[in-house]
Protein backbone atom coordinates (compact mmCIF):
# COMPACT_ATOMS: atom_id res chain seq x y z
CA LEU A 1 -22.81 35.05 -138.61
CA TRP A 2 -20.43 32.19 -137.93
CA TYR A 3 -20.43 32.93 -134.19
CA ARG A 4 -24.20 33.28 -134.37
CA ASP A 5 -24.32 29.73 -135.72
CA ILE A 6 -22.18 28.50 -132.83
CA LEU A 7 -24.50 30.18 -130.35
CA MET A 8 -27.65 28.87 -132.06
CA TYR A 9 -26.30 25.31 -132.13
CA LYS A 10 -25.17 25.49 -128.51
CA ALA A 11 -28.61 26.70 -127.41
CA THR A 12 -30.84 24.50 -129.57
CA LYS A 13 -28.77 21.66 -131.10
CA ASP A 14 -30.92 22.24 -134.22
CA THR A 15 -28.89 22.01 -137.43
CA ASN A 16 -31.76 23.47 -139.44
CA LEU A 17 -31.03 26.88 -137.89
CA LEU A 18 -27.43 26.94 -139.10
CA LEU A 19 -26.44 29.24 -141.93
CA TYR A 20 -23.08 27.50 -142.39
CA ARG A 21 -24.25 23.90 -142.48
CA ASP A 22 -21.13 22.83 -144.34
CA GLU A 23 -19.12 23.85 -141.24
CA TYR A 24 -21.18 21.58 -138.97
CA SER A 25 -18.27 19.68 -137.42
CA THR A 26 -16.31 22.84 -136.60
CA ILE A 27 -19.41 24.56 -135.23
CA THR A 28 -20.19 21.63 -132.93
CA LYS A 29 -16.61 21.55 -131.65
CA GLN A 30 -16.64 25.28 -130.96
CA ALA A 31 -20.06 25.07 -129.30
CA SER A 32 -18.76 22.44 -126.89
CA LYS A 33 -15.60 24.45 -126.11
CA ARG A 34 -17.04 27.93 -125.66
CA SER A 35 -19.29 29.17 -122.91
CA TYR A 36 -22.28 31.44 -123.46
CA GLU A 37 -20.32 34.28 -121.86
CA GLU A 38 -17.42 33.87 -124.29
CA LEU A 39 -19.75 33.84 -127.27
CA GLU A 40 -21.55 36.91 -125.96
CA ARG A 41 -18.22 38.72 -125.53
CA ILE A 42 -17.20 37.90 -129.10
CA ILE A 43 -20.54 38.96 -130.58
CA GLU A 44 -20.40 42.21 -128.57
CA ALA A 45 -16.89 42.87 -129.93
CA ILE A 46 -18.16 42.37 -133.47
CA ASN A 47 -21.07 44.76 -132.87
CA LYS A 48 -18.71 47.28 -131.29
CA VAL A 49 -16.42 47.23 -134.33
CA LYS A 50 -19.43 47.94 -136.54
CA LEU A 51 -20.27 51.00 -134.43
CA ARG A 52 -16.66 52.17 -134.46
CA LEU A 53 -16.45 51.87 -138.23
CA ASP A 54 -19.69 53.84 -138.56
CA ALA A 55 -18.01 56.52 -136.43
CA ASN A 56 -15.06 56.61 -138.87
CA VAL A 57 -12.54 55.02 -136.52
CA ASN A 58 -9.42 53.70 -138.21
CA PHE A 59 -10.35 50.37 -139.83
CA GLU A 60 -7.15 48.53 -138.91
CA LEU A 61 -7.29 49.68 -135.30
CA ALA A 62 -10.95 48.76 -134.89
CA VAL A 63 -10.48 45.28 -136.37
CA GLU A 64 -7.32 44.73 -134.33
CA LEU A 65 -9.20 45.53 -131.12
CA MET A 66 -11.94 43.09 -132.11
CA LEU A 67 -9.43 40.36 -132.86
CA LEU A 68 -7.75 40.93 -129.49
CA VAL A 69 -11.06 40.36 -127.72
CA ILE A 70 -11.64 37.18 -129.72
CA LYS A 71 -8.12 35.96 -128.98
CA GLU A 72 -8.54 36.64 -125.24
CA THR A 73 -11.63 34.44 -125.12
CA CYS A 74 -9.91 31.45 -126.73
């Protein structure tokens, strides 16, 4: 949801759409740093880990793969 907020702010600049309003300054910084492609890649990695966990993949391995994708985009 945090990355969703970054994407929503980047696209609309509307603070009323933010779920984490208390993180406004961090969200605005991240929105200015990250491209739409990077945010899409991160959100896809999060969705992929959900699918993997539903398929009973090892939790630690699935989360580690997701974190590697996030780290690569930074």
